[in-house]
Amino acid sequence: NGETVGIDYEYRVSPLLGLGSVVEYAFGSLDALTVLAVADIHLTDQFIIQVGPGYEYTSEHEFFVSRLGALYEFRYSGYTFSPQFHFDYHEGVGSSKVAGLAVGFDF
């Protein structure tokens, strides 16, 4: 278990598809940085499936990671609030589950 902080960016290619990146840092005993290239598939205006490959870096290891997740965006006055859940498969290492709340804005 651990706490993370991150930032992500999405460029909407079409009403269905957004392409972007995610960078997350896990604190404490995990001490890991994860960098992902993601595709956001907008099944509805609010419900989004996120998939993508990336790498995770720790002080001792570097390995490939694949993400599959879902999020639901609530919009209010130009901001988004989205609870989300992701499953990260780590090649050769145990997988992880990531749950969180993202706050964003359109520009």
PDB file of N, CA and C in Angstrom:
ATOM      1  N   ASN A   1       0.833  -1.184   0.000  1.00  0.00           N
ATOM      2  CA  ASN A   1       0.000   0.000   0.000  1.00  0.00           C
ATOM      3  C   ASN A   1       0.875   1.243   0.000  1.00  0.00           C
ATOM      4  N   GLY A   2       0.396   2.271  -0.633  1.00  0.00           N
ATOM      5  CA  GLY A   2       1.143   3.513  -0.647  1.00  0.00           C
ATOM      6  C   GLY A   2       0.306   4.638  -1.210  1.00  0.00           C
ATOM      7  N   GLU A   3       0.773   5.848  -1.006  1.00  0.00           N
ATOM      8  CA  GLU A   3       0.101   7.032  -1.535  1.00  0.00           C
ATOM      9  C   GLU A   3       0.851   7.521  -2.757  1.00  0.00           C
ATOM     10  N   THR A   4       0.091   8.050  -3.713  1.00  0.00           N
ATOM     11  CA  THR A   4       0.707   8.549  -4.937  1.00  0.00           C
ATOM     12  C   THR A   4       0.222   9.956  -5.243  1.00  0.00           C
ATOM     13  N   VAL A   5       0.981  10.634  -6.059  1.00  0.00           N
ATOM     14  CA  VAL A   5       0.580  11.910  -6.631  1.00  0.00           C
ATOM     15  C   VAL A   5       0.984  11.833  -8.097  1.00  0.00           C
ATOM     16  N   GLY A   6       0.190  12.463  -8.950  1.00  0.00           N
ATOM     17  CA  GLY A   6       0.502  12.362 -10.369  1.00  0.00           C
ATOM     18  C   GLY A   6      -0.090  13.492 -11.172  1.00  0.00           C
ATOM     19  N   ILE A   7       0.257  13.461 -12.440  1.00  0.00           N
ATOM     20  CA  ILE A   7      -0.266  14.430 -13.389  1.00  0.00           C
ATOM     21  C   ILE A   7      -0.510  13.684 -14.696  1.00  0.00           C
ATOM     22  N   ASP A   8      -1.572  14.097 -15.391  1.00  0.00           N
ATOM     23  CA  ASP A   8      -1.816  13.476 -16.688  1.00  0.00           C
ATOM     24  C   ASP A   8      -2.317  14.525 -17.670  1.00  0.00           C
ATOM     25  N   TYR A   9      -2.186  14.191 -18.943  1.00  0.00           N
ATOM     26  CA  TYR A   9      -2.602  15.073 -20.016  1.00  0.00           C
ATOM     27  C   TYR A   9      -3.325  14.238 -21.059  1.00  0.00           C
ATOM     28  N   GLU A  10      -4.430  14.768 -21.583  1.00  0.00           N
ATOM     29  CA  GLU A  10      -5.165  14.088 -22.644  1.00  0.00           C
ATOM     30  C   GLU A  10      -5.450  15.070 -23.775  1.00  0.00           C
ATOM     31  N   TYR A  11      -5.139  14.657 -24.987  1.00  0.00           N
ATOM     32  CA  TYR A  11      -5.495  15.417 -26.187  1.00  0.00           C
ATOM     33  C   TYR A  11      -6.611  14.657 -26.885  1.00  0.00           C
ATOM     34  N   ARG A  12      -7.785  15.278 -27.021  1.00  0.00           N
ATOM     35  CA  ARG A  12      -8.924  14.611 -27.649  1.00  0.00           C
ATOM     36  C   ARG A  12      -8.742  14.591 -29.157  1.00  0.00           C
ATOM     37  N   VAL A  13      -8.584  13.405 -29.701  1.00  0.00           N
ATOM     38  CA  VAL A  13      -8.448  13.195 -31.135  1.00  0.00           C
ATOM     39  C   VAL A  13      -9.822  13.196 -31.800  1.00  0.00           C
ATOM     40  N   SER A  14     -10.803  12.632 -31.098  1.00  0.00           N
ATOM     41  CA  SER A  14     -12.171  12.544 -31.586  1.00  0.00           C
ATOM     42  C   SER A  14     -13.087  12.455 -30.369  1.00  0.00           C
ATOM     43  N   PRO A  15     -14.406  12.485 -30.569  1.00  0.00           N
ATOM     44  CA  PRO A  15     -15.293  12.321 -29.412  1.00  0.00           C
ATOM     45  C   PRO A  15     -15.090  10.980 -28.691  1.00  0.00           C
ATOM     46  N   LEU A  16     -14.604   9.970 -29.408  1.00  0.00           N
ATOM     47  CA  LEU A  16     -14.386   8.651 -28.821  1.00  0.00           C
ATOM     48  C   LEU A  16     -13.001   8.483 -28.200  1.00  0.00           C
ATOM     49  N   LEU A  17     -11.973   9.125 -28.757  1.00  0.00           N
ATOM     50  CA  LEU A  17     -10.594   8.809 -28.400  1.00  0.00           C
ATOM     51  C   LEU A  17      -9.784  10.021 -27.962  1.00  0.00           C
ATOM     52  N   GLY A  18      -9.051   9.839 -26.870  1.00  0.00           N
ATOM     53  CA  GLY A  18      -8.077  10.813 -26.417  1.00  0.00           C
ATOM     54  C   GLY A  18      -6.734  10.122 -26.234  1.00  0.00           C
ATOM     55  N   LEU A  19      -5.641  10.799 -26.574  1.00  0.00           N
ATOM     56  CA  LEU A  19      -4.296  10.256 -26.396  1.00  0.00           C
ATOM     57  C   LEU A  19      -3.546  11.134 -25.416  1.00  0.00           C
ATOM     58  N   GLY A  20      -2.727  10.512 -24.581  1.00  0.00           N
ATOM     59  CA  GLY A  20      -2.028  11.318 -23.595  1.00  0.00           C
ATOM     60  C   GLY A  20      -0.967  10.568 -22.838  1.00  0.00           C
ATOM     61  N   SER A  21      -0.650  11.118 -21.677  1.00  0.00           N
ATOM     62  CA  SER A  21       0.392  10.533 -20.837  1.00  0.00           C
ATOM     63  C   SER A  21       0.006  10.675 -19.369  1.00  0.00           C
ATOM     64  N   VAL A  22       0.594   9.804 -18.565  1.00  0.00           N
ATOM     65  CA  VAL A  22       0.380   9.808 -17.121  1.00  0.00           C
ATOM     66  C   VAL A  22       1.746   9.671 -16.458  1.00  0.00           C
ATOM     67  N   VAL A  23       1.992  10.488 -15.447  1.00  0.00           N
ATOM     68  CA  VAL A  23       3.206  10.366 -14.625  1.00  0.00           C
ATOM     69  C   VAL A  23       2.745  10.325 -13.174  1.00  0.00           C
ATOM     70  N   GLU A  24       3.133   9.248 -12.454  1.00  0.00           N
ATOM     71  CA  GLU A  24       2.736   9.083 -11.054  1.00  0.00           C
ATOM     72  C   GLU A  24       3.958   8.737 -10.218  1.00  0.00           C
ATOM     73  N   TYR A  25       3.979   9.266  -9.011  1.00  0.00           N
ATOM     74  CA  TYR A  25       5.036   8.919  -8.064  1.00  0.00           C
ATOM     75  C   TYR A  25       4.404   8.320  -6.818  1.00  0.00           C
ATOM     76  N   ALA A  26       4.873   7.131  -6.439  1.00  0.00           N
ATOM     77  CA  ALA A  26       4.388   6.456  -5.233  1.00  0.00           C
ATOM     78  C   ALA A  26       5.407   6.677  -4.111  1.00  0.00           C
ATOM     79  N   PHE A  27       4.929   7.166  -2.981  1.00  0.00           N
ATOM     80  CA  PHE A  27       5.776   7.502  -1.843  1.00  0.00           C
ATOM     81  C   PHE A  27       6.067   6.291  -0.966  1.00  0.00           C
ATOM     82  N   GLY A  28       6.853   6.531   0.065  1.00  0.00           N
ATOM     83  CA  GLY A  28       7.085   5.541   1.116  1.00  0.00           C
ATOM     84  C   GLY A  28       7.904   4.367   0.649  1.00  0.00           C
ATOM     85  N   SER A  29       7.533   3.190   1.127  1.00  0.00           N
ATOM     86  CA  SER A  29       8.318   1.993   0.828  1.00  0.00           C
ATOM     87  C   SER A  29       8.295   1.653  -0.657  1.00  0.00           C
ATOM     88  N   LEU A  30       7.282   2.106  -1.400  1.00  0.00           N
ATOM     89  CA  LEU A  30       7.229   1.834  -2.839  1.00  0.00           C
ATOM     90  C   LEU A  30       8.280   2.660  -3.574  1.00  0.00           C
ATOM     91  N   ASP A  31       8.375   3.946  -3.269  1.00  0.00           N
ATOM     92  CA  ASP A  31       9.354   4.854  -3.879  1.00  0.00           C
ATOM     93  C   ASP A  31       9.533   4.564  -5.366  1.00  0.00           C
ATOM     94  N   ALA A  32       8.456   4.738  -6.141  1.00  0.00           N
ATOM     95  CA  ALA A  32       8.470   4.374  -7.557  1.00  0.00           C
ATOM     96  C   ALA A  32       7.865   5.477  -8.415  1.00  0.00           C
ATOM     97  N   LEU A  33       8.443   5.668  -9.588  1.00  0.00           N
ATOM     98  CA  LEU A  33       7.937   6.610 -10.574  1.00  0.00           C
ATOM     99  C   LEU A  33       7.411   5.800 -11.756  1.00  0.00           C
ATOM    100  N   THR A  34       6.170   6.058 -12.147  1.00  0.00           N
ATOM    101  CA  THR A  34       5.565   5.374 -13.281  1.00  0.00           C
ATOM    102  C   THR A  34       5.253   6.389 -14.369  1.00  0.00           C
ATOM    103  N   VAL A  35       5.665   6.066 -15.613  1.00  0.00           N
ATOM    104  CA  VAL A  35       5.437   6.932 -16.762  1.00  0.00           C
ATOM    105  C   VAL A  35       4.717   6.093 -17.821  1.00  0.00           C
ATOM    106  N   LEU A  36       3.551   6.573 -18.275  1.00  0.00           N
ATOM    107  CA  LEU A  36       2.724   5.811 -19.215  1.00  0.00           C
ATOM    108  C   LEU A  36       2.293   6.665 -20.403  1.00  0.00           C
ATOM    109  N   ALA A  37       2.160   6.027 -21.565  1.00  0.00           N
ATOM    110  CA  ALA A  37       1.473   6.614 -22.723  1.00  0.00           C
ATOM    111  C   ALA A  37       0.112   5.941 -22.757  1.00  0.00           C
ATOM    112  N   VAL A  38      -0.962   6.716 -22.780  1.00  0.00           N
ATOM    113  CA  VAL A  38      -2.290   6.116 -22.642  1.00  0.00           C
ATOM    114  C   VAL A  38      -3.237   6.544 -23.760  1.00  0.00           C
ATOM    115  N   ALA A  39      -4.205   5.677 -23.990  1.00  0.00           N
ATOM    116  CA  ALA A  39      -5.347   5.992 -24.839  1.00  0.00           C
ATOM    117  C   ALA A  39      -6.570   5.997 -23.934  1.00  0.00           C
ATOM    118  N   ASP A  40      -7.351   7.050 -24.009  1.00  0.00           N
ATOM    119  CA  ASP A  40      -8.595   7.169 -23.251  1.00  0.00           C
ATOM    120  C   ASP A  40      -9.753   6.943 -24.213  1.00  0.00           C
ATOM    121  N   ILE A  41     -10.511   5.883 -23.979  1.00  0.00           N
ATOM    122  CA  ILE A  41     -11.644   5.540 -24.830  1.00  0.00           C
ATOM    123  C   ILE A  41     -12.912   6.011 -24.123  1.00  0.00           C
ATOM    124  N   HIS A  42     -13.560   7.027 -24.669  1.00  0.00           N
ATOM    125  CA  HIS A  42     -14.732   7.656 -24.060  1.00  0.00           C
ATOM    126  C   HIS A  42     -15.987   6.893 -24.508  1.00  0.00           C
ATOM    127  N   LEU A  43     -16.417   5.946 -23.685  1.00  0.00           N
ATOM    128  CA  LEU A  43     -17.596   5.149 -24.023  1.00  0.00           C
ATOM    129  C   LEU A  43     -18.872   5.978 -23.930  1.00  0.00           C
ATOM    130  N   THR A  44     -18.896   6.928 -22.991  1.00  0.00           N
ATOM    131  CA  THR A  44     -19.965   7.921 -22.886  1.00  0.00           C
ATOM    132  C   THR A  44     -19.281   9.249 -22.582  1.00  0.00           C
ATOM    133  N   ASP A  45     -20.040  10.295 -22.371  1.00  0.00           N
ATOM    134  CA  ASP A  45     -19.445  11.586 -22.011  1.00  0.00           C
ATOM    135  C   ASP A  45     -18.692  11.512 -20.691  1.00  0.00           C
ATOM    136  N   GLN A  46     -19.092  10.603 -19.802  1.00  0.00           N
ATOM    137  CA  GLN A  46     -18.473  10.522 -18.480  1.00  0.00           C
ATOM    138  C   GLN A  46     -17.630   9.263 -18.262  1.00  0.00           C
ATOM    139  N   PHE A  47     -17.997   8.135 -18.858  1.00  0.00           N
ATOM    140  CA  PHE A  47     -17.331   6.861 -18.577  1.00  0.00           C
ATOM    141  C   PHE A  47     -16.200   6.615 -19.569  1.00  0.00           C
ATOM    142  N   ILE A  48     -14.985   6.414 -19.033  1.00  0.00           N
ATOM    143  CA  ILE A  48     -13.780   6.320 -19.851  1.00  0.00           C
ATOM    144  C   ILE A  48     -12.991   5.075 -19.465  1.00  0.00           C
ATOM    145  N   ILE A  49     -12.516   4.354 -20.472  1.00  0.00           N
ATOM    146  CA  ILE A  49     -11.586   3.238 -20.285  1.00  0.00           C
ATOM    147  C   ILE A  49     -10.205   3.747 -20.669  1.00  0.00           C
ATOM    148  N   GLN A  50      -9.205   3.459 -19.852  1.00  0.00           N
ATOM    149  CA  GLN A  50      -7.838   3.920 -20.121  1.00  0.00           C
ATOM    150  C   GLN A  50      -6.906   2.719 -20.258  1.00  0.00           C
ATOM    151  N   VAL A  51      -6.124   2.691 -21.329  1.00  0.00           N
ATOM    152  CA  VAL A  51      -5.157   1.618 -21.570  1.00  0.00           C
ATOM    153  C   VAL A  51      -3.846   2.227 -22.037  1.00  0.00           C
ATOM    154  N   GLY A  52      -2.754   1.547 -21.697  1.00  0.00           N
ATOM    155  CA  GLY A  52      -1.482   2.035 -22.202  1.00  0.00           C
ATOM    156  C   GLY A  52      -0.270   1.354 -21.616  1.00  0.00           C
ATOM    157  N   PRO A  53       0.849   1.426 -22.342  1.00  0.00           N
ATOM    158  CA  PRO A  53       2.121   0.877 -21.879  1.00  0.00           C
ATOM    159  C   PRO A  53       2.970   1.946 -21.211  1.00  0.00           C
ATOM    160  N   GLY A  54       3.952   1.505 -20.453  1.00  0.00           N
ATOM    161  CA  GLY A  54       4.889   2.444 -19.847  1.00  0.00           C
ATOM    162  C   GLY A  54       6.000   1.742 -19.115  1.00  0.00           C
ATOM    163  N   TYR A  55       6.698   2.504 -18.298  1.00  0.00           N
ATOM    164  CA  TYR A  55       7.788   1.972 -17.475  1.00  0.00           C
ATOM    165  C   TYR A  55       7.627   2.455 -16.051  1.00  0.00           C
ATOM    166  N   GLU A  56       8.088   1.640 -15.134  1.00  0.00           N
ATOM    167  CA  GLU A  56       8.130   2.023 -13.723  1.00  0.00           C
ATOM    168  C   GLU A  56       9.584   1.973 -13.279  1.00  0.00           C
ATOM    169  N   TYR A  57       9.986   3.002 -12.557  1.00  0.00           N
ATOM    170  CA  TYR A  57      11.365   3.145 -12.099  1.00  0.00           C
ATOM    171  C   TYR A  57      11.395   3.171 -10.576  1.00  0.00           C
ATOM    172  N   THR A  58      12.271   2.366  -9.999  1.00  0.00           N
ATOM    173  CA  THR A  58      12.539   2.422  -8.566  1.00  0.00           C
ATOM    174  C   THR A  58      14.040   2.596  -8.401  1.00  0.00           C
ATOM    175  N   SER A  59      14.497   2.731  -7.168  1.00  0.00           N
ATOM    176  CA  SER A  59      15.934   2.875  -6.944  1.00  0.00           C
ATOM    177  C   SER A  59      16.683   1.587  -7.294  1.00  0.00           C
ATOM    178  N   GLU A  60      15.966   0.463  -7.340  1.00  0.00           N
ATOM    179  CA  GLU A  60      16.620  -0.822  -7.604  1.00  0.00           C
ATOM    180  C   GLU A  60      16.252  -1.440  -8.945  1.00  0.00           C
ATOM    181  N   HIS A  61      15.080  -1.092  -9.511  1.00  0.00           N
ATOM    182  CA  HIS A  61      14.605  -1.768 -10.711  1.00  0.00           C
ATOM    183  C   HIS A  61      13.989  -0.790 -11.706  1.00  0.00           C
ATOM    184  N   GLU A  62      13.911  -1.268 -12.936  1.00  0.00           N
ATOM    185  CA  GLU A  62      13.184  -0.579 -13.996  1.00  0.00           C
ATOM    186  C   GLU A  62      12.477  -1.675 -14.779  1.00  0.00           C
ATOM    187  N   PHE A  63      11.161  -1.538 -14.970  1.00  0.00           N
ATOM    188  CA  PHE A  63      10.455  -2.601 -15.675  1.00  0.00           C
ATOM    189  C   PHE A  63       9.253  -2.064 -16.434  1.00  0.00           C
ATOM    190  N   PHE A  64       8.812  -2.866 -17.423  1.00  0.00           N
ATOM    191  CA  PHE A  64       7.678  -2.545 -18.271  1.00  0.00           C
ATOM    192  C   PHE A  64       6.379  -2.702 -17.484  1.00  0.00           C
ATOM    193  N   VAL A  65       5.435  -1.812 -17.734  1.00  0.00           N
ATOM    194  CA  VAL A  65       4.121  -1.883 -17.075  1.00  0.00           C
ATOM    195  C   VAL A  65       3.034  -1.631 -18.117  1.00  0.00           C
ATOM    196  N   SER A  66       1.926  -2.348 -17.989  1.00  0.00           N
ATOM    197  CA  SER A  66       0.746  -2.135 -18.834  1.00  0.00           C
ATOM    198  C   SER A  66      -0.414  -1.749 -17.927  1.00  0.00           C
ATOM    199  N   ARG A  67      -1.171  -0.738 -18.323  1.00  0.00           N
ATOM    200  CA  ARG A  67      -2.291  -0.267 -17.504  1.00  0.00           C
ATOM    201  C   ARG A  67      -3.621  -0.502 -18.210  1.00  0.00           C
ATOM    202  N   LEU A  68      -4.597  -0.946 -17.429  1.00  0.00           N
ATOM    203  CA  LEU A  68      -5.988  -1.034 -17.860  1.00  0.00           C
ATOM    204  C   LEU A  68      -6.817  -0.459 -16.726  1.00  0.00           C
ATOM    205  N   GLY A  69      -7.638   0.530 -17.035  1.00  0.00           N
ATOM    206  CA  GLY A  69      -8.403   1.153 -15.967  1.00  0.00           C
ATOM    207  C   GLY A  69      -9.688   1.777 -16.458  1.00  0.00           C
ATOM    208  N   ALA A  70     -10.437   2.286 -15.497  1.00  0.00           N
ATOM    209  CA  ALA A  70     -11.701   2.948 -15.804  1.00  0.00           C
ATOM    210  C   ALA A  70     -11.847   4.161 -14.905  1.00  0.00           C
ATOM    211  N   LEU A  71     -12.497   5.191 -15.439  1.00  0.00           N
ATOM    212  CA  LEU A  71     -12.784   6.375 -14.639  1.00  0.00           C
ATOM    213  C   LEU A  71     -14.117   6.962 -15.066  1.00  0.00           C
ATOM    214  N   TYR A  72     -14.699   7.724 -14.165  1.00  0.00           N
ATOM    215  CA  TYR A  72     -15.989   8.363 -14.417  1.00  0.00           C
ATOM    216  C   TYR A  72     -15.847   9.840 -14.092  1.00  0.00           C
ATOM    217  N   GLU A  73     -16.028  10.699 -15.099  1.00  0.00           N
ATOM    218  CA  GLU A  73     -15.836  12.136 -14.920  1.00  0.00           C
ATOM    219  C   GLU A  73     -17.136  12.850 -14.562  1.00  0.00           C
ATOM    220  N   PHE A  74     -17.073  13.609 -13.486  1.00  0.00           N
ATOM    221  CA  PHE A  74     -18.142  14.528 -13.122  1.00  0.00           C
ATOM    222  C   PHE A  74     -17.653  15.919 -13.493  1.00  0.00           C
ATOM    223  N   ARG A  75     -18.462  16.693 -14.192  1.00  0.00           N
ATOM    224  CA  ARG A  75     -18.068  18.041 -14.619  1.00  0.00           C
ATOM    225  C   ARG A  75     -18.823  19.091 -13.808  1.00  0.00           C
ATOM    226  N   TYR A  76     -18.071  20.138 -13.433  1.00  0.00           N
ATOM    227  CA  TYR A  76     -18.679  21.236 -12.694  1.00  0.00           C
ATOM    228  C   TYR A  76     -17.882  22.510 -12.955  1.00  0.00           C
ATOM    229  N   SER A  77     -18.493  23.508 -13.583  1.00  0.00           N
ATOM    230  CA  SER A  77     -17.902  24.833 -13.823  1.00  0.00           C
ATOM    231  C   SER A  77     -16.512  24.765 -14.458  1.00  0.00           C
ATOM    232  N   GLY A  78     -16.349  23.947 -15.489  1.00  0.00           N
ATOM    233  CA  GLY A  78     -15.070  23.868 -16.187  1.00  0.00           C
ATOM    234  C   GLY A  78     -14.063  22.918 -15.569  1.00  0.00           C
ATOM    235  N   TYR A  79     -14.405  22.287 -14.454  1.00  0.00           N
ATOM    236  CA  TYR A  79     -13.515  21.330 -13.796  1.00  0.00           C
ATOM    237  C   TYR A  79     -14.089  19.923 -13.917  1.00  0.00           C
ATOM    238  N   THR A  80     -13.205  18.935 -13.803  1.00  0.00           N
ATOM    239  CA  THR A  80     -13.649  17.544 -13.759  1.00  0.00           C
ATOM    240  C   THR A  80     -13.167  16.910 -12.460  1.00  0.00           C
ATOM    241  N   PHE A  81     -13.991  16.037 -11.934  1.00  0.00           N
ATOM    242  CA  PHE A  81     -13.665  15.243 -10.748  1.00  0.00           C
ATOM    243  C   PHE A  81     -13.931  13.796 -11.139  1.00  0.00           C
ATOM    244  N   SER A  82     -12.912  12.955 -11.066  1.00  0.00           N
ATOM    245  CA  SER A  82     -13.112  11.593 -11.561  1.00  0.00           C
ATOM    246  C   SER A  82     -12.514  10.538 -10.643  1.00  0.00           C
ATOM    247  N   PRO A  83     -13.390   9.771  -9.990  1.00  0.00           N
ATOM    248  CA  PRO A  83     -12.908   8.592  -9.289  1.00  0.00           C
ATOM    249  C   PRO A  83     -12.439   7.589 -10.347  1.00  0.00           C
ATOM    250  N   GLN A  84     -11.368   6.880 -10.028  1.00  0.00           N
ATOM    251  CA  GLN A  84     -10.811   5.952 -10.998  1.00  0.00           C
ATOM    252  C   GLN A  84     -10.189   4.734 -10.345  1.00  0.00           C
ATOM    253  N   PHE A  85     -10.128   3.664 -11.126  1.00  0.00           N
ATOM    254  CA  PHE A  85      -9.501   2.429 -10.671  1.00  0.00           C
ATOM    255  C   PHE A  85      -8.709   1.854 -11.836  1.00  0.00           C
ATOM    256  N   HIS A  86      -7.450   1.484 -11.560  1.00  0.00           N
ATOM    257  CA  HIS A  86      -6.566   0.941 -12.596  1.00  0.00           C
ATOM    258  C   HIS A  86      -5.907  -0.336 -12.103  1.00  0.00           C
ATOM    259  N   PHE A  87      -5.651  -1.221 -13.049  1.00  0.00           N
ATOM    260  CA  PHE A  87      -4.874  -2.427 -12.792  1.00  0.00           C
ATOM    261  C   PHE A  87      -3.592  -2.288 -13.592  1.00  0.00           C
ATOM    262  N   ASP A  88      -2.449  -2.306 -12.914  1.00  0.00           N
ATOM    263  CA  ASP A  88      -1.145  -2.203 -13.570  1.00  0.00           C
ATOM    264  C   ASP A  88      -0.452  -3.557 -13.529  1.00  0.00           C
ATOM    265  N   TYR A  89      -0.172  -4.108 -14.711  1.00  0.00           N
ATOM    266  CA  TYR A  89       0.565  -5.358 -14.819  1.00  0.00           C
ATOM    267  C   TYR A  89       2.040  -5.025 -14.967  1.00  0.00           C
ATOM    268  N   HIS A  90       2.855  -5.532 -14.047  1.00  0.00           N
ATOM    269  CA  HIS A  90       4.294  -5.304 -14.084  1.00  0.00           C
ATOM    270  C   HIS A  90       4.981  -6.563 -14.581  1.00  0.00           C
ATOM    271  N   GLU A  91       5.735  -6.452 -15.649  1.00  0.00           N
ATOM    272  CA  GLU A  91       6.425  -7.596 -16.223  1.00  0.00           C
ATOM    273  C   GLU A  91       7.476  -8.130 -15.252  1.00  0.00           C
ATOM    274  N   GLY A  92       7.320  -9.395 -14.834  1.00  0.00           N
ATOM    275  CA  GLY A  92       8.282 -10.039 -13.959  1.00  0.00           C
ATOM    276  C   GLY A  92       8.167  -9.675 -12.492  1.00  0.00           C
ATOM    277  N   VAL A  93       7.211  -8.822 -12.147  1.00  0.00           N
ATOM    278  CA  VAL A  93       7.034  -8.365 -10.765  1.00  0.00           C
ATOM    279  C   VAL A  93       5.524  -8.415 -10.481  1.00  0.00           C
ATOM    280  N   GLY A  94       5.136  -8.410  -9.232  1.00  0.00           N
ATOM    281  CA  GLY A  94       3.708  -8.426  -8.886  1.00  0.00           C
ATOM    282  C   GLY A  94       2.964  -7.241  -9.456  1.00  0.00           C
ATOM    283  N   SER A  95       1.712  -7.445  -9.794  1.00  0.00           N
ATOM    284  CA  SER A  95       0.877  -6.392 -10.346  1.00  0.00           C
ATOM    285  C   SER A  95       0.327  -5.520  -9.222  1.00  0.00           C
ATOM    286  N   SER A  96      -0.246  -4.382  -9.601  1.00  0.00           N
ATOM    287  CA  SER A  96      -0.781  -3.482  -8.576  1.00  0.00           C
ATOM    288  C   SER A  96      -2.155  -2.964  -8.983  1.00  0.00           C
ATOM    289  N   LYS A  97      -2.898  -2.556  -7.976  1.00  0.00           N
ATOM    290  CA  LYS A  97      -4.196  -1.927  -8.168  1.00  0.00           C
ATOM    291  C   LYS A  97      -4.070  -0.479  -7.695  1.00  0.00           C
ATOM    292  N   VAL A  98      -4.547   0.435  -8.513  1.00  0.00           N
ATOM    293  CA  VAL A  98      -4.429   1.852  -8.208  1.00  0.00           C
ATOM    294  C   VAL A  98      -5.832   2.457  -8.162  1.00  0.00           C
ATOM    295  N   ALA A  99      -6.217   3.003  -7.042  1.00  0.00           N
ATOM    296  CA  ALA A  99      -7.497   3.680  -6.899  1.00  0.00           C
ATOM    297  C   ALA A  99      -7.219   5.134  -6.556  1.00  0.00           C
ATOM    298  N   GLY A 100      -7.993   6.034  -7.143  1.00  0.00           N
ATOM    299  CA  GLY A 100      -7.729   7.425  -6.839  1.00  0.00           C
ATOM    300  C   GLY A 100      -8.843   8.348  -7.261  1.00  0.00           C
ATOM    301  N   LEU A 101      -8.608   9.634  -7.022  1.00  0.00           N
ATOM    302  CA  LEU A 101      -9.518  10.688  -7.406  1.00  0.00           C
ATOM    303  C   LEU A 101      -8.703  11.743  -8.130  1.00  0.00           C
ATOM    304  N   ALA A 102      -9.097  12.050  -9.360  1.00  0.00           N
ATOM    305  CA  ALA A 102      -8.391  13.061 -10.158  1.00  0.00           C
ATOM    306  C   ALA A 102      -9.233  14.330 -10.225  1.00  0.00           C
ATOM    307  N   VAL A 103      -8.562  15.449 -10.211  1.00  0.00           N
ATOM    308  CA  VAL A 103      -9.180  16.756 -10.395  1.00  0.00           C
ATOM    309  C   VAL A 103      -8.529  17.366 -11.632  1.00  0.00           C
ATOM    310  N   GLY A 104      -9.346  17.823 -12.572  1.00  0.00           N
ATOM    311  CA  GLY A 104      -8.784  18.359 -13.804  1.00  0.00           C
ATOM    312  C   GLY A 104      -9.545  19.557 -14.305  1.00  0.00           C
ATOM    313  N   PHE A 105      -9.074  20.090 -15.433  1.00  0.00           N
ATOM    314  CA  PHE A 105      -9.734  21.205 -16.089  1.00  0.00           C
ATOM    315  C   PHE A 105      -9.431  21.169 -17.572  1.00  0.00           C
ATOM    316  N   ASP A 106     -10.323  21.740 -18.359  1.00  0.00           N
ATOM    317  CA  ASP A 106     -10.167  21.834 -19.809  1.00  0.00           C
ATOM    318  C   ASP A 106      -9.442  23.131 -20.160  1.00  0.00           C
ATOM    319  N   PHE A 107      -8.616  23.058 -21.169  1.00  0.00           N
ATOM    320  CA  PHE A 107      -7.990  24.285 -21.689  1.00  0.00           C
ATOM    321  C   PHE A 107      -7.782  24.173 -23.162  1.00  0.00           C
TER     322      PHE A 107
END
